[in-house]
Amino acid sequence: MSAAQSDLDRLSASATYGALLVEMLQPMGISSSAVLKGTDIEPGTLESVEGRISARQYAQLIENAKQLAADPALGFKFGMQLK
């Protein structure tokens, strides 16, 4: 396992970021189960203020969102939600 791969498993982010991304996609008709596919994130984790997701899970979540939304401004729109 490379150092970069190890970091993806060691580093984590607040599950709140994942929850915001999932919520942002729902008005587009994209289900939470579709966005969470392949991430190994339990839906309850996103509901917890103290929940954490690994960098690997977060990266997969973002990749899923990019593919499902097919919106080139998705990252910008997500960033605007975080302010």
PDB file of N, CA and C in Angstrom:
ATOM      1  N   MET A   1       0.848  -1.179   0.000  1.00  0.00           N
ATOM      2  CA  MET A   1       0.000   0.000   0.000  1.00  0.00           C
ATOM      3  C   MET A   1       0.892   1.240   0.000  1.00  0.00           C
ATOM      4  N   SER A   2       0.613   2.176  -0.884  1.00  0.00           N
ATOM      5  CA  SER A   2       1.415   3.388  -0.964  1.00  0.00           C
ATOM      6  C   SER A   2       1.060   4.337   0.173  1.00  0.00           C
ATOM      7  N   ALA A   3       1.913   5.327   0.391  1.00  0.00           N
ATOM      8  CA  ALA A   3       1.674   6.312   1.448  1.00  0.00           C
ATOM      9  C   ALA A   3       0.388   7.091   1.179  1.00  0.00           C
ATOM     10  N   ALA A   4       0.126   7.403  -0.092  1.00  0.00           N
ATOM     11  CA  ALA A   4      -1.103   8.134  -0.435  1.00  0.00           C
ATOM     12  C   ALA A   4      -2.337   7.296  -0.121  1.00  0.00           C
ATOM     13  N   GLN A   5      -2.293   6.011  -0.433  1.00  0.00           N
ATOM     14  CA  GLN A   5      -3.423   5.135  -0.132  1.00  0.00           C
ATOM     15  C   GLN A   5      -3.623   5.007   1.367  1.00  0.00           C
ATOM     16  N   SER A   6      -2.513   4.925   2.104  1.00  0.00           N
ATOM     17  CA  SER A   6      -2.587   4.832   3.556  1.00  0.00           C
ATOM     18  C   SER A   6      -3.213   6.094   4.147  1.00  0.00           C
ATOM     19  N   ASP A   7      -2.847   7.255   3.608  1.00  0.00           N
ATOM     20  CA  ASP A   7      -3.418   8.522   4.074  1.00  0.00           C
ATOM     21  C   ASP A   7      -4.922   8.567   3.858  1.00  0.00           C
ATOM     22  N   LEU A   8      -5.388   8.001   2.750  1.00  0.00           N
ATOM     23  CA  LEU A   8      -6.823   8.003   2.474  1.00  0.00           C
ATOM     24  C   LEU A   8      -7.594   7.224   3.529  1.00  0.00           C
ATOM     25  N   ASP A   9      -6.952   6.247   4.135  1.00  0.00           N
ATOM     26  CA  ASP A   9      -7.601   5.469   5.179  1.00  0.00           C
ATOM     27  C   ASP A   9      -7.410   6.094   6.562  1.00  0.00           C
ATOM     28  N   ARG A  10      -6.319   6.807   6.753  1.00  0.00           N
ATOM     29  CA  ARG A  10      -5.986   7.381   8.053  1.00  0.00           C
ATOM     30  C   ARG A  10      -6.689   8.721   8.281  1.00  0.00           C
ATOM     31  N   LEU A  11      -6.777   9.552   7.255  1.00  0.00           N
ATOM     32  CA  LEU A  11      -7.372  10.881   7.387  1.00  0.00           C
ATOM     33  C   LEU A  11      -8.887  10.788   7.345  1.00  0.00           C
ATOM     34  N   SER A  12      -9.543  11.739   7.993  1.00  0.00           N
ATOM     35  CA  SER A  12     -11.000  11.725   7.990  1.00  0.00           C
ATOM     36  C   SER A  12     -11.553  13.142   7.952  1.00  0.00           C
ATOM     37  N   ALA A  13     -12.829  13.221   7.656  1.00  0.00           N
ATOM     38  CA  ALA A  13     -13.547  14.501   7.603  1.00  0.00           C
ATOM     39  C   ALA A  13     -14.853  14.340   8.366  1.00  0.00           C
ATOM     40  N   SER A  14     -15.408  15.444   8.745  1.00  0.00           N
ATOM     41  CA  SER A  14     -16.707  15.410   9.415  1.00  0.00           C
ATOM     42  C   SER A  14     -17.747  14.832   8.462  1.00  0.00           C
ATOM     43  N   ALA A  15     -18.585  13.965   8.984  1.00  0.00           N
ATOM     44  CA  ALA A  15     -19.650  13.380   8.172  1.00  0.00           C
ATOM     45  C   ALA A  15     -20.657  14.438   7.725  1.00  0.00           C
ATOM     46  N   THR A  16     -20.639  15.588   8.379  1.00  0.00           N
ATOM     47  CA  THR A  16     -21.532  16.686   8.009  1.00  0.00           C
ATOM     48  C   THR A  16     -21.313  17.097   6.557  1.00  0.00           C
ATOM     49  N   TYR A  17     -20.060  17.083   6.102  1.00  0.00           N
ATOM     50  CA  TYR A  17     -19.779  17.434   4.706  1.00  0.00           C
ATOM     51  C   TYR A  17     -20.439  16.441   3.750  1.00  0.00           C
ATOM     52  N   GLY A  18     -20.361  15.174   4.093  1.00  0.00           N
ATOM     53  CA  GLY A  18     -21.020  14.157   3.277  1.00  0.00           C
ATOM     54  C   GLY A  18     -22.522  14.331   3.274  1.00  0.00           C
ATOM     55  N   ALA A  19     -23.088  14.629   4.433  1.00  0.00           N
ATOM     56  CA  ALA A  19     -24.532  14.831   4.539  1.00  0.00           C
ATOM     57  C   ALA A  19     -24.979  16.015   3.689  1.00  0.00           C
ATOM     58  N   LEU A  20     -24.205  17.098   3.715  1.00  0.00           N
ATOM     59  CA  LEU A  20     -24.557  18.272   2.898  1.00  0.00           C
ATOM     60  C   LEU A  20     -24.538  17.944   1.409  1.00  0.00           C
ATOM     61  N   LEU A  21     -23.559  17.164   0.992  1.00  0.00           N
ATOM     62  CA  LEU A  21     -23.476  16.788  -0.419  1.00  0.00           C
ATOM     63  C   LEU A  21     -24.663  15.919  -0.822  1.00  0.00           C
ATOM     64  N   VAL A  22     -25.002  14.957   0.014  1.00  0.00           N
ATOM     65  CA  VAL A  22     -26.141  14.083  -0.268  1.00  0.00           C
ATOM     66  C   VAL A  22     -27.432  14.909  -0.339  1.00  0.00           C
ATOM     67  N   GLU A  23     -27.617  15.811   0.599  1.00  0.00           N
ATOM     68  CA  GLU A  23     -28.817  16.662   0.614  1.00  0.00           C
ATOM     69  C   GLU A  23     -28.888  17.566  -0.608  1.00  0.00           C
ATOM     70  N   MET A  24     -27.740  18.053  -1.056  1.00  0.00           N
ATOM     71  CA  MET A  24     -27.693  18.939  -2.216  1.00  0.00           C
ATOM     72  C   MET A  24     -28.168  18.226  -3.490  1.00  0.00           C
ATOM     73  N   LEU A  25     -27.938  16.925  -3.573  1.00  0.00           N
ATOM     74  CA  LEU A  25     -28.282  16.171  -4.771  1.00  0.00           C
ATOM     75  C   LEU A  25     -29.739  15.694  -4.796  1.00  0.00           C
ATOM     76  N   GLN A  26     -30.376  15.647  -3.654  1.00  0.00           N
ATOM     77  CA  GLN A  26     -31.748  15.140  -3.594  1.00  0.00           C
ATOM     78  C   GLN A  26     -32.721  15.942  -4.456  1.00  0.00           C
ATOM     79  N   PRO A  27     -32.666  17.281  -4.493  1.00  0.00           N
ATOM     80  CA  PRO A  27     -33.576  18.019  -5.377  1.00  0.00           C
ATOM     81  C   PRO A  27     -33.367  17.722  -6.875  1.00  0.00           C
ATOM     82  N   MET A  28     -32.206  17.148  -7.202  1.00  0.00           N
ATOM     83  CA  MET A  28     -31.910  16.762  -8.587  1.00  0.00           C
ATOM     84  C   MET A  28     -32.474  15.373  -8.890  1.00  0.00           C
ATOM     85  N   GLY A  29     -33.125  14.767  -7.890  1.00  0.00           N
ATOM     86  CA  GLY A  29     -33.686  13.438  -8.075  1.00  0.00           C
ATOM     87  C   GLY A  29     -32.683  12.319  -7.859  1.00  0.00           C
ATOM     88  N   ILE A  30     -31.568  12.627  -7.219  1.00  0.00           N
ATOM     89  CA  ILE A  30     -30.524  11.632  -6.977  1.00  0.00           C
ATOM     90  C   ILE A  30     -30.679  11.126  -5.545  1.00  0.00           C
ATOM     91  N   SER A  31     -30.890   9.836  -5.403  1.00  0.00           N
ATOM     92  CA  SER A  31     -31.135   9.253  -4.086  1.00  0.00           C
ATOM     93  C   SER A  31     -29.851   9.173  -3.264  1.00  0.00           C
ATOM     94  N   SER A  32     -30.019   9.180  -1.968  1.00  0.00           N
ATOM     95  CA  SER A  32     -28.855   9.053  -1.083  1.00  0.00           C
ATOM     96  C   SER A  32     -28.180   7.697  -1.281  1.00  0.00           C
ATOM     97  N   SER A  33     -28.953   6.657  -1.530  1.00  0.00           N
ATOM     98  CA  SER A  33     -28.345   5.333  -1.726  1.00  0.00           C
ATOM     99  C   SER A  33     -27.456   5.311  -2.963  1.00  0.00           C
ATOM    100  N   ALA A  34     -27.833   6.048  -4.006  1.00  0.00           N
ATOM    101  CA  ALA A  34     -27.004   6.108  -5.212  1.00  0.00           C
ATOM    102  C   ALA A  34     -25.689   6.839  -4.931  1.00  0.00           C
ATOM    103  N   VAL A  35     -25.751   7.913  -4.174  1.00  0.00           N
ATOM    104  CA  VAL A  35     -24.541   8.681  -3.861  1.00  0.00           C
ATOM    105  C   VAL A  35     -23.630   7.895  -2.920  1.00  0.00           C
ATOM    106  N   LEU A  36     -24.220   7.123  -2.020  1.00  0.00           N
ATOM    107  CA  LEU A  36     -23.445   6.367  -1.038  1.00  0.00           C
ATOM    108  C   LEU A  36     -22.899   5.037  -1.574  1.00  0.00           C
ATOM    109  N   LYS A  37     -23.312   4.647  -2.771  1.00  0.00           N
ATOM    110  CA  LYS A  37     -22.908   3.351  -3.328  1.00  0.00           C
ATOM    111  C   LYS A  37     -21.380   3.216  -3.360  1.00  0.00           C
ATOM    112  N   GLY A  38     -20.910   2.112  -2.790  1.00  0.00           N
ATOM    113  CA  GLY A  38     -19.481   1.817  -2.820  1.00  0.00           C
ATOM    114  C   GLY A  38     -18.638   2.587  -1.811  1.00  0.00           C
ATOM    115  N   THR A  39     -19.275   3.371  -0.941  1.00  0.00           N
ATOM    116  CA  THR A  39     -18.515   4.158   0.031  1.00  0.00           C
ATOM    117  C   THR A  39     -18.363   3.464   1.376  1.00  0.00           C
ATOM    118  N   ASP A  40     -19.196   2.484   1.651  1.00  0.00           N
ATOM    119  CA  ASP A  40     -19.249   1.831   2.967  1.00  0.00           C
ATOM    120  C   ASP A  40     -19.640   2.803   4.082  1.00  0.00           C
ATOM    121  N   ILE A  41     -20.321   3.889   3.711  1.00  0.00           N
ATOM    122  CA  ILE A  41     -20.812   4.849   4.704  1.00  0.00           C
ATOM    123  C   ILE A  41     -22.229   4.436   5.079  1.00  0.00           C
ATOM    124  N   GLU A  42     -22.459   4.262   6.354  1.00  0.00           N
ATOM    125  CA  GLU A  42     -23.802   3.957   6.841  1.00  0.00           C
ATOM    126  C   GLU A  42     -24.596   5.261   6.895  1.00  0.00           C
ATOM    127  N   PRO A  43     -25.847   5.260   6.425  1.00  0.00           N
ATOM    128  CA  PRO A  43     -26.648   6.492   6.449  1.00  0.00           C
ATOM    129  C   PRO A  43     -26.701   7.144   7.833  1.00  0.00           C
ATOM    130  N   GLY A  44     -26.706   6.355   8.883  1.00  0.00           N
ATOM    131  CA  GLY A  44     -26.734   6.905  10.232  1.00  0.00           C
ATOM    132  C   GLY A  44     -25.501   7.727  10.565  1.00  0.00           C
ATOM    133  N   THR A  45     -24.376   7.389   9.944  1.00  0.00           N
ATOM    134  CA  THR A  45     -23.144   8.151  10.172  1.00  0.00           C
ATOM    135  C   THR A  45     -23.321   9.591   9.728  1.00  0.00           C
ATOM    136  N   LEU A  46     -24.012   9.788   8.602  1.00  0.00           N
ATOM    137  CA  LEU A  46     -24.209  11.139   8.084  1.00  0.00           C
ATOM    138  C   LEU A  46     -25.158  11.946   8.952  1.00  0.00           C
ATOM    139  N   GLU A  47     -25.969  11.268   9.734  1.00  0.00           N
ATOM    140  CA  GLU A  47     -26.930  11.949  10.593  1.00  0.00           C
ATOM    141  C   GLU A  47     -26.325  12.367  11.925  1.00  0.00           C
ATOM    142  N   SER A  48     -25.128  11.892  12.219  1.00  0.00           N
ATOM    143  CA  SER A  48     -24.478  12.175  13.492  1.00  0.00           C
ATOM    144  C   SER A  48     -23.567  13.395  13.386  1.00  0.00           C
ATOM    145  N   VAL A  49     -23.747  14.346  14.286  1.00  0.00           N
ATOM    146  CA  VAL A  49     -22.896  15.534  14.308  1.00  0.00           C
ATOM    147  C   VAL A  49     -21.441  15.150  14.587  1.00  0.00           C
ATOM    148  N   GLU A  50     -21.246  14.071  15.320  1.00  0.00           N
ATOM    149  CA  GLU A  50     -19.906  13.621  15.668  1.00  0.00           C
ATOM    150  C   GLU A  50     -19.357  12.585  14.693  1.00  0.00           C
ATOM    151  N   GLY A  51     -20.139  12.222  13.675  1.00  0.00           N
ATOM    152  CA  GLY A  51     -19.711  11.204  12.724  1.00  0.00           C
ATOM    153  C   GLY A  51     -18.505  11.627  11.909  1.00  0.00           C
ATOM    154  N   ARG A  52     -17.695  10.653  11.532  1.00  0.00           N
ATOM    155  CA  ARG A  52     -16.503  10.887  10.711  1.00  0.00           C
ATOM    156  C   ARG A  52     -16.540   9.921   9.531  1.00  0.00           C
ATOM    157  N   ILE A  53     -16.019  10.365   8.406  1.00  0.00           N
ATOM    158  CA  ILE A  53     -15.839   9.491   7.248  1.00  0.00           C
ATOM    159  C   ILE A  53     -14.383   9.594   6.814  1.00  0.00           C
ATOM    160  N   SER A  54     -13.845   8.481   6.340  1.00  0.00           N
ATOM    161  CA  SER A  54     -12.440   8.489   5.917  1.00  0.00           C
ATOM    162  C   SER A  54     -12.296   9.290   4.625  1.00  0.00           C
ATOM    163  N   ALA A  55     -11.067   9.706   4.374  1.00  0.00           N
ATOM    164  CA  ALA A  55     -10.790  10.434   3.133  1.00  0.00           C
ATOM    165  C   ALA A  55     -11.133   9.558   1.923  1.00  0.00           C
ATOM    166  N   ARG A  56     -10.905   8.266   2.044  1.00  0.00           N
ATOM    167  CA  ARG A  56     -11.245   7.342   0.950  1.00  0.00           C
ATOM    168  C   ARG A  56     -12.759   7.341   0.704  1.00  0.00           C
ATOM    169  N   GLN A  57     -13.541   7.285   1.777  1.00  0.00           N
ATOM    170  CA  GLN A  57     -14.999   7.313   1.646  1.00  0.00           C
ATOM    171  C   GLN A  57     -15.465   8.637   1.048  1.00  0.00           C
ATOM    172  N   TYR A  58     -14.872   9.716   1.509  1.00  0.00           N
ATOM    173  CA  TYR A  58     -15.240  11.045   1.019  1.00  0.00           C
ATOM    174  C   TYR A  58     -14.910  11.179  -0.468  1.00  0.00           C
ATOM    175  N   ALA A  59     -13.750  10.671  -0.862  1.00  0.00           N
ATOM    176  CA  ALA A  59     -13.358  10.727  -2.275  1.00  0.00           C
ATOM    177  C   ALA A  59     -14.342   9.948  -3.145  1.00  0.00           C
ATOM    178  N   GLN A  60     -14.774   8.764  -2.690  1.00  0.00           N
ATOM    179  CA  GLN A  60     -15.749   7.972  -3.449  1.00  0.00           C
ATOM    180  C   GLN A  60     -17.096   8.676  -3.501  1.00  0.00           C
ATOM    181  N   LEU A  61     -17.480   9.296  -2.390  1.00  0.00           N
ATOM    182  CA  LEU A  61     -18.737  10.041  -2.340  1.00  0.00           C
ATOM    183  C   LEU A  61     -18.733  11.176  -3.364  1.00  0.00           C
ATOM    184  N   ILE A  62     -17.633  11.902  -3.431  1.00  0.00           N
ATOM    185  CA  ILE A  62     -17.504  13.010  -4.385  1.00  0.00           C
ATOM    186  C   ILE A  62     -17.516  12.480  -5.818  1.00  0.00           C
ATOM    187  N   GLU A  63     -16.812  11.387  -6.056  1.00  0.00           N
ATOM    188  CA  GLU A  63     -16.788  10.804  -7.407  1.00  0.00           C
ATOM    189  C   GLU A  63     -18.190  10.371  -7.831  1.00  0.00           C
ATOM    190  N   ASN A  64     -18.919   9.736  -6.918  1.00  0.00           N
ATOM    191  CA  ASN A  64     -20.299   9.338  -7.216  1.00  0.00           C
ATOM    192  C   ASN A  64     -21.144  10.566  -7.554  1.00  0.00           C
ATOM    193  N   ALA A  65     -21.013  11.604  -6.743  1.00  0.00           N
ATOM    194  CA  ALA A  65     -21.805  12.821  -6.955  1.00  0.00           C
ATOM    195  C   ALA A  65     -21.494  13.440  -8.313  1.00  0.00           C
ATOM    196  N   LYS A  66     -20.225  13.499  -8.676  1.00  0.00           N
ATOM    197  CA  LYS A  66     -19.839  14.067  -9.979  1.00  0.00           C
ATOM    198  C   LYS A  66     -20.469  13.293 -11.125  1.00  0.00           C
ATOM    199  N   GLN A  67     -20.422  11.974 -11.038  1.00  0.00           N
ATOM    200  CA  GLN A  67     -20.961  11.149 -12.117  1.00  0.00           C
ATOM    201  C   GLN A  67     -22.487  11.220 -12.182  1.00  0.00           C
ATOM    202  N   LEU A  68     -23.128  11.213 -11.035  1.00  0.00           N
ATOM    203  CA  LEU A  68     -24.591  11.204 -11.009  1.00  0.00           C
ATOM    204  C   LEU A  68     -25.196  12.550 -11.380  1.00  0.00           C
ATOM    205  N   ALA A  69     -24.566  13.627 -10.949  1.00  0.00           N
ATOM    206  CA  ALA A  69     -25.121  14.956 -11.199  1.00  0.00           C
ATOM    207  C   ALA A  69     -24.773  15.469 -12.593  1.00  0.00           C
ATOM    208  N   ALA A  70     -23.635  15.064 -13.114  1.00  0.00           N
ATOM    209  CA  ALA A  70     -23.177  15.537 -14.425  1.00  0.00           C
ATOM    210  C   ALA A  70     -23.305  17.055 -14.539  1.00  0.00           C
ATOM    211  N   ASP A  71     -22.925  17.742 -13.474  1.00  0.00           N
ATOM    212  CA  ASP A  71     -23.003  19.200 -13.421  1.00  0.00           C
ATOM    213  C   ASP A  71     -21.586  19.736 -13.251  1.00  0.00           C
ATOM    214  N   PRO A  72     -21.042  20.416 -14.272  1.00  0.00           N
ATOM    215  CA  PRO A  72     -19.663  20.897 -14.169  1.00  0.00           C
ATOM    216  C   PRO A  72     -19.458  21.923 -13.052  1.00  0.00           C
ATOM    217  N   ALA A  73     -20.523  22.511 -12.561  1.00  0.00           N
ATOM    218  CA  ALA A  73     -20.417  23.499 -11.482  1.00  0.00           C
ATOM    219  C   ALA A  73     -20.711  22.894 -10.109  1.00  0.00           C
ATOM    220  N   LEU A  74     -20.778  21.579 -10.018  1.00  0.00           N
ATOM    221  CA  LEU A  74     -21.138  20.924  -8.768  1.00  0.00           C
ATOM    222  C   LEU A  74     -20.201  21.314  -7.625  1.00  0.00           C
ATOM    223  N   GLY A  75     -18.916  21.294  -7.864  1.00  0.00           N
ATOM    224  CA  GLY A  75     -17.949  21.650  -6.820  1.00  0.00           C
ATOM    225  C   GLY A  75     -18.132  23.072  -6.344  1.00  0.00           C
ATOM    226  N   PHE A  76     -18.352  23.981  -7.267  1.00  0.00           N
ATOM    227  CA  PHE A  76     -18.586  25.380  -6.911  1.00  0.00           C
ATOM    228  C   PHE A  76     -19.850  25.519  -6.071  1.00  0.00           C
ATOM    229  N   LYS A  77     -20.920  24.873  -6.509  1.00  0.00           N
ATOM    230  CA  LYS A  77     -22.193  24.941  -5.792  1.00  0.00           C
ATOM    231  C   LYS A  77     -22.058  24.349  -4.387  1.00  0.00           C
ATOM    232  N   PHE A  78     -21.320  23.253  -4.281  1.00  0.00           N
ATOM    233  CA  PHE A  78     -21.111  22.635  -2.981  1.00  0.00           C
ATOM    234  C   PHE A  78     -20.320  23.574  -2.073  1.00  0.00           C
ATOM    235  N   GLY A  79     -19.285  24.170  -2.617  1.00  0.00           N
ATOM    236  CA  GLY A  79     -18.492  25.115  -1.852  1.00  0.00           C
ATOM    237  C   GLY A  79     -19.319  26.286  -1.350  1.00  0.00           C
ATOM    238  N   MET A  80     -20.240  26.746  -2.152  1.00  0.00           N
ATOM    239  CA  MET A  80     -21.095  27.858  -1.730  1.00  0.00           C
ATOM    240  C   MET A  80     -21.989  27.457  -0.564  1.00  0.00           C
ATOM    241  N   GLN A  81     -22.355  26.207  -0.477  1.00  0.00           N
ATOM    242  CA  GLN A  81     -23.176  25.730   0.644  1.00  0.00           C
ATOM    243  C   GLN A  81     -22.394  25.717   1.945  1.00  0.00           C
ATOM    244  N   LEU A  82     -21.069  25.617   1.848  1.00  0.00           N
ATOM    245  CA  LEU A  82     -20.244  25.483   3.041  1.00  0.00           C
ATOM    246  C   LEU A  82     -19.936  26.817   3.704  1.00  0.00           C
ATOM    247  N   LYS A  83     -20.223  27.897   3.045  1.00  0.00           N
ATOM    248  CA  LYS A  83     -19.846  29.207   3.630  1.00  0.00           C
ATOM    249  C   LYS A  83     -20.651  29.597   4.831  1.00  0.00           C
TER     250      LYS A  83
END
